[in-house]
Amino acid sequence: MNWFNTIIEDNKTKVFDPIRKTYCVLTPEEEVRQKTLYYLVEMKKYPAGLIAVEYSIKVNNLPKRCDIVVFNKKGEPEMIVECKAESVPITKKVLDQAIRYYSGLKANYLLLTNGKTMFCYHIDIENNKIESMKEIPLIN
């Protein structure tokens, strides 16, 4: 895949997103999103075809967008990824946001990152728990 190609358009730096196949304005959050996508596809070997970026969902009948959703081979949501700019700390508020998105998708994992820190959680529905993980799981 072709990562981190940038252009200047309308006095704005844009980065090519190989998942969406389009140039996006390179905001601090978009930079983290692109680095996270690179990590998931190139390092963790998640299939790019099973990843959606800015995936639209409904939460309490309100439209929301997940930064990244990773699906399994059955087409079911497996992981919700919430990206923040490097300057934004990953706090309980960010986890709460991802949990709200979970209520609309029912994925098994939540991944929160600001590019400097990364937290991964497993949603244990049967025991009604969110478990912190030491590593990002492989997605089947």
N, C-alpha and C. Protein backbone atom coordinates (compact mmCIF):
# COMPACT_ATOMS: atom_id res chain seq x y z
N MET A 1 0.85 -1.18 0.00
CA MET A 1 0.00 0.00 0.00
C MET A 1 0.89 1.24 0.00
N ASN A 2 0.31 2.31 -0.45
CA ASN A 2 1.04 3.56 -0.58
C ASN A 2 0.71 4.49 0.58
N TRP A 3 1.60 4.59 1.57
CA TRP A 3 1.32 5.34 2.79
C TRP A 3 2.02 6.70 2.80
N PHE A 4 1.39 7.66 3.44
CA PHE A 4 1.98 8.94 3.81
C PHE A 4 2.36 9.82 2.62
N ASN A 5 1.68 9.66 1.49
CA ASN A 5 1.89 10.58 0.37
C ASN A 5 1.07 11.83 0.62
N THR A 6 1.72 12.99 0.50
CA THR A 6 1.02 14.25 0.74
C THR A 6 1.07 15.14 -0.48
N ILE A 7 0.08 16.00 -0.55
CA ILE A 7 0.02 17.05 -1.57
C ILE A 7 -0.42 18.33 -0.89
N ILE A 8 -0.18 19.46 -1.56
CA ILE A 8 -0.72 20.74 -1.11
C ILE A 8 -1.83 21.11 -2.08
N GLU A 9 -3.01 21.35 -1.51
CA GLU A 9 -4.16 21.71 -2.33
C GLU A 9 -4.96 22.76 -1.58
N ASP A 10 -5.27 23.86 -2.23
CA ASP A 10 -5.98 24.97 -1.58
C ASP A 10 -5.26 25.43 -0.31
N ASN A 11 -3.94 25.49 -0.37
CA ASN A 11 -3.10 25.90 0.76
C ASN A 11 -3.23 24.97 1.97
N LYS A 12 -3.66 23.75 1.75
CA LYS A 12 -3.78 22.78 2.84
C LYS A 12 -2.98 21.54 2.48
N THR A 13 -2.29 20.99 3.47
CA THR A 13 -1.60 19.72 3.26
C THR A 13 -2.62 18.60 3.37
N LYS A 14 -2.60 17.73 2.37
CA LYS A 14 -3.51 16.58 2.37
C LYS A 14 -2.68 15.31 2.27
N VAL A 15 -3.16 14.26 2.93
CA VAL A 15 -2.48 12.97 2.93
C VAL A 15 -3.39 11.96 2.23
N PHE A 16 -2.77 11.07 1.46
CA PHE A 16 -3.55 10.05 0.77
C PHE A 16 -3.88 8.93 1.75
N ASP A 17 -5.16 8.62 1.85
CA ASP A 17 -5.62 7.51 2.67
C ASP A 17 -5.85 6.31 1.76
N PRO A 18 -4.98 5.28 1.84
CA PRO A 18 -5.12 4.14 0.94
C PRO A 18 -6.34 3.27 1.23
N ILE A 19 -6.94 3.43 2.38
CA ILE A 19 -8.16 2.67 2.69
C ILE A 19 -9.36 3.33 1.99
N ARG A 20 -9.49 4.65 2.17
CA ARG A 20 -10.59 5.38 1.54
C ARG A 20 -10.29 5.74 0.10
N LYS A 21 -9.02 5.62 -0.29
CA LYS A 21 -8.56 5.93 -1.65
C LYS A 21 -8.86 7.38 -2.04
N THR A 22 -8.53 8.29 -1.12
CA THR A 22 -8.73 9.71 -1.36
C THR A 22 -7.75 10.51 -0.51
N TYR A 23 -7.54 11.76 -0.90
CA TYR A 23 -6.71 12.66 -0.10
C TYR A 23 -7.58 13.33 0.96
N CYS A 24 -7.05 13.42 2.17
CA CYS A 24 -7.75 14.01 3.32
C CYS A 24 -6.88 15.11 3.90
N VAL A 25 -7.50 16.16 4.42
CA VAL A 25 -6.75 17.22 5.06
C VAL A 25 -5.97 16.62 6.23
N LEU A 26 -4.69 16.96 6.29
CA LEU A 26 -3.80 16.38 7.30
C LEU A 26 -3.91 17.16 8.61
N THR A 27 -4.98 16.86 9.36
CA THR A 27 -5.15 17.43 10.69
C THR A 27 -4.33 16.59 11.67
N PRO A 28 -4.12 17.08 12.89
CA PRO A 28 -3.41 16.26 13.87
C PRO A 28 -4.09 14.90 14.12
N GLU A 29 -5.42 14.88 14.14
CA GLU A 29 -6.12 13.60 14.32
C GLU A 29 -5.95 12.70 13.10
N GLU A 30 -6.00 13.28 11.91
CA GLU A 30 -5.83 12.47 10.69
C GLU A 30 -4.44 11.85 10.65
N GLU A 31 -3.44 12.58 11.13
CA GLU A 31 -2.08 12.02 11.17
C GLU A 31 -2.05 10.78 12.06
N VAL A 32 -2.69 10.85 13.22
CA VAL A 32 -2.75 9.69 14.11
C VAL A 32 -3.54 8.55 13.46
N ARG A 33 -4.64 8.89 12.79
CA ARG A 33 -5.45 7.87 12.12
C ARG A 33 -4.62 7.15 11.05
N GLN A 34 -3.86 7.90 10.25
CA GLN A 34 -3.06 7.27 9.19
C GLN A 34 -1.95 6.40 9.78
N LYS A 35 -1.32 6.86 10.85
CA LYS A 35 -0.28 6.05 11.49
C LYS A 35 -0.87 4.77 12.09
N THR A 36 -2.08 4.88 12.63
CA THR A 36 -2.76 3.72 13.21
C THR A 36 -3.15 2.74 12.12
N LEU A 37 -3.68 3.25 11.01
CA LEU A 37 -4.01 2.37 9.88
C LEU A 37 -2.77 1.65 9.38
N TYR A 38 -1.68 2.38 9.24
CA TYR A 38 -0.41 1.78 8.80
C TYR A 38 -0.03 0.65 9.76
N TYR A 39 -0.09 0.93 11.05
CA TYR A 39 0.26 -0.07 12.07
C TYR A 39 -0.63 -1.32 11.95
N LEU A 40 -1.94 -1.11 11.82
CA LEU A 40 -2.86 -2.26 11.75
C LEU A 40 -2.63 -3.10 10.50
N VAL A 41 -2.43 -2.43 9.35
CA VAL A 41 -2.30 -3.15 8.08
C VAL A 41 -0.89 -3.72 7.89
N GLU A 42 0.12 -2.91 8.11
CA GLU A 42 1.49 -3.33 7.81
C GLU A 42 2.15 -4.12 8.94
N MET A 43 1.88 -3.76 10.18
CA MET A 43 2.54 -4.43 11.30
C MET A 43 1.70 -5.58 11.85
N LYS A 44 0.40 -5.35 12.05
CA LYS A 44 -0.47 -6.39 12.61
C LYS A 44 -1.06 -7.29 11.52
N LYS A 45 -0.89 -6.90 10.25
CA LYS A 45 -1.35 -7.68 9.09
C LYS A 45 -2.87 -7.83 9.03
N TYR A 46 -3.60 -6.81 9.50
CA TYR A 46 -5.05 -6.82 9.33
C TYR A 46 -5.33 -6.58 7.85
N PRO A 47 -6.24 -7.34 7.23
CA PRO A 47 -6.54 -7.12 5.81
C PRO A 47 -7.19 -5.74 5.59
N ALA A 48 -6.60 -4.95 4.69
CA ALA A 48 -7.12 -3.60 4.42
C ALA A 48 -8.57 -3.63 3.98
N GLY A 49 -8.97 -4.69 3.29
CA GLY A 49 -10.34 -4.81 2.81
C GLY A 49 -11.36 -5.01 3.92
N LEU A 50 -10.89 -5.30 5.13
CA LEU A 50 -11.79 -5.49 6.27
C LEU A 50 -11.79 -4.28 7.21
N ILE A 51 -11.24 -3.16 6.72
CA ILE A 51 -11.15 -1.95 7.54
C ILE A 51 -11.98 -0.84 6.90
N ALA A 52 -12.77 -0.17 7.74
CA ALA A 52 -13.55 0.99 7.31
C ALA A 52 -13.07 2.21 8.09
N VAL A 53 -13.00 3.35 7.41
CA VAL A 53 -12.55 4.60 8.03
C VAL A 53 -13.72 5.57 8.05
N GLU A 54 -13.87 6.28 9.17
CA GLU A 54 -14.99 7.19 9.38
C GLU A 54 -16.31 6.47 9.07
N TYR A 55 -16.50 5.37 9.76
CA TYR A 55 -17.64 4.48 9.56
C TYR A 55 -18.88 5.03 10.27
N SER A 56 -19.93 5.26 9.52
CA SER A 56 -21.16 5.85 10.07
C SER A 56 -21.98 4.83 10.83
N ILE A 57 -22.42 5.22 12.02
CA ILE A 57 -23.31 4.39 12.83
C ILE A 57 -24.37 5.29 13.46
N LYS A 58 -25.35 4.67 14.10
CA LYS A 58 -26.34 5.42 14.87
C LYS A 58 -26.22 5.01 16.33
N VAL A 59 -26.18 6.01 17.21
CA VAL A 59 -26.17 5.78 18.65
C VAL A 59 -27.33 6.58 19.22
N ASN A 60 -28.29 5.88 19.80
CA ASN A 60 -29.51 6.53 20.30
C ASN A 60 -30.16 7.38 19.21
N ASN A 61 -30.21 6.82 18.02
CA ASN A 61 -30.80 7.47 16.83
C ASN A 61 -30.05 8.72 16.39
N LEU A 62 -28.84 8.95 16.91
CA LEU A 62 -28.02 10.07 16.47
C LEU A 62 -26.90 9.56 15.58
N PRO A 63 -26.63 10.26 14.46
CA PRO A 63 -25.54 9.81 13.59
C PRO A 63 -24.18 10.08 14.25
N LYS A 64 -23.32 9.08 14.22
CA LYS A 64 -21.96 9.17 14.76
C LYS A 64 -21.02 8.55 13.74
N ARG A 65 -19.72 8.82 13.92
CA ARG A 65 -18.71 8.24 13.03
C ARG A 65 -17.59 7.65 13.85
N CYS A 66 -17.31 6.38 13.63
CA CYS A 66 -16.15 5.73 14.24
C CYS A 66 -14.94 6.06 13.37
N ASP A 67 -13.81 6.38 14.00
CA ASP A 67 -12.60 6.68 13.23
C ASP A 67 -12.22 5.50 12.35
N ILE A 68 -12.14 4.32 12.97
CA ILE A 68 -11.77 3.10 12.25
C ILE A 68 -12.60 1.95 12.82
N VAL A 69 -13.10 1.10 11.94
CA VAL A 69 -13.74 -0.14 12.37
C VAL A 69 -13.07 -1.28 11.61
N VAL A 70 -12.66 -2.30 12.36
CA VAL A 70 -12.07 -3.50 11.76
C VAL A 70 -13.13 -4.59 11.83
N PHE A 71 -13.38 -5.22 10.69
CA PHE A 71 -14.36 -6.29 10.60
C PHE A 71 -13.64 -7.64 10.53
N ASN A 72 -14.34 -8.70 10.94
CA ASN A 72 -13.79 -10.05 10.76
C ASN A 72 -14.20 -10.55 9.38
N LYS A 73 -13.77 -11.74 9.04
CA LYS A 73 -14.04 -12.29 7.70
C LYS A 73 -15.51 -12.56 7.46
N LYS A 74 -16.31 -12.61 8.51
CA LYS A 74 -17.76 -12.79 8.38
C LYS A 74 -18.47 -11.45 8.14
N GLY A 75 -17.70 -10.35 8.19
CA GLY A 75 -18.28 -9.03 7.99
C GLY A 75 -18.85 -8.42 9.26
N GLU A 76 -18.52 -9.01 10.41
CA GLU A 76 -19.00 -8.49 11.69
C GLU A 76 -17.97 -7.52 12.28
N PRO A 77 -18.43 -6.45 12.93
CA PRO A 77 -17.48 -5.52 13.54
C PRO A 77 -16.68 -6.23 14.64
N GLU A 78 -15.39 -6.16 14.55
CA GLU A 78 -14.51 -6.83 15.51
C GLU A 78 -13.84 -5.82 16.45
N MET A 79 -13.46 -4.66 15.91
CA MET A 79 -12.76 -3.66 16.72
C MET A 79 -13.16 -2.26 16.31
N ILE A 80 -13.38 -1.41 17.31
CA ILE A 80 -13.61 0.01 17.10
C ILE A 80 -12.34 0.72 17.53
N VAL A 81 -11.82 1.60 16.67
CA VAL A 81 -10.61 2.34 16.98
C VAL A 81 -10.97 3.82 17.06
N GLU A 82 -10.63 4.43 18.19
CA GLU A 82 -10.86 5.85 18.38
C GLU A 82 -9.51 6.55 18.41
N CYS A 83 -9.31 7.47 17.46
CA CYS A 83 -8.05 8.20 17.34
C CYS A 83 -8.24 9.63 17.82
N LYS A 84 -7.26 10.11 18.55
CA LYS A 84 -7.23 11.50 18.99
C LYS A 84 -5.90 12.10 18.56
N ALA A 85 -5.85 13.42 18.47
CA ALA A 85 -4.59 14.10 18.17
C ALA A 85 -3.60 13.82 19.30
N GLU A 86 -2.30 13.90 18.99
CA GLU A 86 -1.27 13.63 20.00
C GLU A 86 -1.44 14.51 21.23
N SER A 87 -1.97 15.71 21.06
CA SER A 87 -2.11 16.64 22.18
C SER A 87 -3.28 16.29 23.10
N VAL A 88 -4.12 15.33 22.69
CA VAL A 88 -5.30 14.96 23.48
C VAL A 88 -4.99 13.72 24.29
N PRO A 89 -5.04 13.81 25.62
CA PRO A 89 -4.76 12.62 26.43
C PRO A 89 -5.89 11.59 26.31
N ILE A 90 -5.51 10.33 26.43
CA ILE A 90 -6.51 9.25 26.42
C ILE A 90 -7.02 9.11 27.85
N THR A 91 -8.25 9.55 28.04
CA THR A 91 -8.86 9.59 29.37
C THR A 91 -10.11 8.72 29.40
N LYS A 92 -10.76 8.68 30.55
CA LYS A 92 -12.02 7.95 30.68
C LYS A 92 -13.07 8.52 29.73
N LYS A 93 -13.00 9.81 29.46
CA LYS A 93 -13.95 10.44 28.52
C LYS A 93 -13.81 9.81 27.12
N VAL A 94 -12.59 9.54 26.69
CA VAL A 94 -12.36 8.91 25.39
C VAL A 94 -12.88 7.47 25.41
N LEU A 95 -12.62 6.76 26.52
CA LEU A 95 -13.14 5.40 26.65
C LEU A 95 -14.67 5.42 26.62
N ASP A 96 -15.28 6.37 27.31
CA ASP A 96 -16.74 6.47 27.31
C ASP A 96 -17.28 6.71 25.90
N GLN A 97 -16.58 7.52 25.12
CA GLN A 97 -16.98 7.77 23.73
C GLN A 97 -16.95 6.45 22.94
N ALA A 98 -15.87 5.69 23.09
CA ALA A 98 -15.76 4.41 22.37
C ALA A 98 -16.84 3.43 22.83
N ILE A 99 -17.17 3.45 24.11
CA ILE A 99 -18.22 2.57 24.63
C ILE A 99 -19.57 2.95 24.02
N ARG A 100 -19.81 4.24 23.84
CA ARG A 100 -21.06 4.66 23.17
C ARG A 100 -21.10 4.11 21.75
N TYR A 101 -19.97 4.18 21.05
CA TYR A 101 -19.91 3.63 19.69
C TYR A 101 -20.13 2.12 19.73
N TYR A 102 -19.59 1.48 20.76
CA TYR A 102 -19.79 0.04 20.93
C TYR A 102 -21.28 -0.28 21.00
N SER A 103 -22.04 0.57 21.67
CA SER A 103 -23.48 0.30 21.81
C SER A 103 -24.17 0.26 20.45
N GLY A 104 -23.58 0.92 19.45
CA GLY A 104 -24.15 0.89 18.11
C GLY A 104 -23.60 -0.20 17.21
N LEU A 105 -22.48 -0.80 17.61
CA LEU A 105 -21.82 -1.80 16.74
C LEU A 105 -21.61 -3.17 17.36
N LYS A 106 -21.44 -3.23 18.66
CA LYS A 106 -21.21 -4.50 19.37
C LYS A 106 -19.93 -5.21 18.91
N ALA A 107 -18.85 -4.46 18.76
CA ALA A 107 -17.56 -5.06 18.43
C ALA A 107 -16.97 -5.73 19.67
N ASN A 108 -16.00 -6.60 19.48
CA ASN A 108 -15.39 -7.31 20.60
C ASN A 108 -14.27 -6.52 21.29
N TYR A 109 -13.69 -5.55 20.56
CA TYR A 109 -12.53 -4.83 21.08
C TYR A 109 -12.68 -3.33 20.85
N LEU A 110 -12.05 -2.57 21.75
CA LEU A 110 -11.93 -1.12 21.60
C LEU A 110 -10.44 -0.80 21.64
N LEU A 111 -10.01 0.04 20.72
CA LEU A 111 -8.62 0.50 20.69
C LEU A 111 -8.64 2.02 20.73
N LEU A 112 -7.95 2.61 21.70
CA LEU A 112 -7.89 4.06 21.86
C LEU A 112 -6.45 4.49 21.70
N THR A 113 -6.21 5.52 20.87
CA THR A 113 -4.84 5.98 20.67
C THR A 113 -4.78 7.47 20.38
N ASN A 114 -3.68 8.07 20.81
CA ASN A 114 -3.37 9.45 20.42
C ASN A 114 -2.01 9.47 19.69
N GLY A 115 -1.58 8.32 19.23
CA GLY A 115 -0.31 8.22 18.52
C GLY A 115 0.87 8.02 19.45
N LYS A 116 0.75 8.46 20.69
CA LYS A 116 1.82 8.26 21.67
C LYS A 116 1.50 7.09 22.60
N THR A 117 0.23 7.00 22.96
CA THR A 117 -0.21 5.90 23.81
C THR A 117 -1.34 5.16 23.13
N MET A 118 -1.45 3.87 23.46
CA MET A 118 -2.46 3.02 22.85
C MET A 118 -3.02 2.12 23.96
N PHE A 119 -4.33 2.09 24.06
CA PHE A 119 -4.99 1.23 25.03
C PHE A 119 -5.97 0.34 24.29
N CYS A 120 -5.95 -0.95 24.60
CA CYS A 120 -6.86 -1.89 23.96
C CYS A 120 -7.67 -2.59 25.05
N TYR A 121 -8.96 -2.76 24.75
CA TYR A 121 -9.88 -3.39 25.70
C TYR A 121 -10.68 -4.47 25.00
N HIS A 122 -10.95 -5.54 25.74
CA HIS A 122 -11.84 -6.59 25.27
C HIS A 122 -13.18 -6.40 25.97
N ILE A 123 -14.25 -6.47 25.21
CA ILE A 123 -15.59 -6.36 25.78
C ILE A 123 -16.07 -7.78 26.09
N ASP A 124 -16.24 -8.07 27.36
CA ASP A 124 -16.73 -9.38 27.82
C ASP A 124 -18.22 -9.23 28.10
N ILE A 125 -19.02 -9.52 27.09
CA ILE A 125 -20.48 -9.32 27.18
C ILE A 125 -21.08 -10.23 28.25
N GLU A 126 -20.65 -11.49 28.28
CA GLU A 126 -21.24 -12.46 29.19
C GLU A 126 -21.08 -12.05 30.65
N ASN A 127 -19.94 -11.46 30.99
CA ASN A 127 -19.69 -11.04 32.37
C ASN A 127 -19.84 -9.54 32.57
N ASN A 128 -20.30 -8.84 31.52
CA ASN A 128 -20.54 -7.40 31.58
C ASN A 128 -19.30 -6.64 32.08
N LYS A 129 -18.14 -6.95 31.46
CA LYS A 129 -16.88 -6.34 31.86
C LYS A 129 -16.12 -5.81 30.65
N ILE A 130 -15.29 -4.82 30.90
CA ILE A 130 -14.33 -4.34 29.92
C ILE A 130 -12.96 -4.66 30.49
N GLU A 131 -12.21 -5.48 29.76
CA GLU A 131 -10.91 -5.94 30.24
C GLU A 131 -9.79 -5.27 29.46
N SER A 132 -8.84 -4.70 30.18
CA SER A 132 -7.66 -4.12 29.55
C SER A 132 -6.77 -5.23 29.01
N MET A 133 -6.21 -5.02 27.82
CA MET A 133 -5.36 -6.02 27.19
C MET A 133 -3.93 -5.52 27.11
N LYS A 134 -2.99 -6.44 27.16
CA LYS A 134 -1.58 -6.08 27.05
C LYS A 134 -1.16 -5.88 25.59
N GLU A 135 -1.86 -6.59 24.67
CA GLU A 135 -1.51 -6.52 23.25
C GLU A 135 -2.78 -6.35 22.42
N ILE A 136 -2.59 -5.82 21.23
CA ILE A 136 -3.68 -5.73 20.27
C ILE A 136 -3.88 -7.12 19.67
N PRO A 137 -5.11 -7.62 19.66
CA PRO A 137 -5.33 -8.99 19.19
C PRO A 137 -5.19 -9.15 17.69
N LEU A 138 -4.98 -10.38 17.27
CA LEU A 138 -5.07 -10.71 15.86
C LEU A 138 -6.55 -10.86 15.53
N ILE A 139 -6.96 -10.38 14.38
CA ILE A 139 -8.35 -10.46 13.97
C ILE A 139 -8.49 -11.57 12.94
N ASN A 140 -9.42 -12.48 13.18
CA ASN A 140 -9.64 -13.61 12.25
C ASN A 140 -10.75 -13.29 11.27
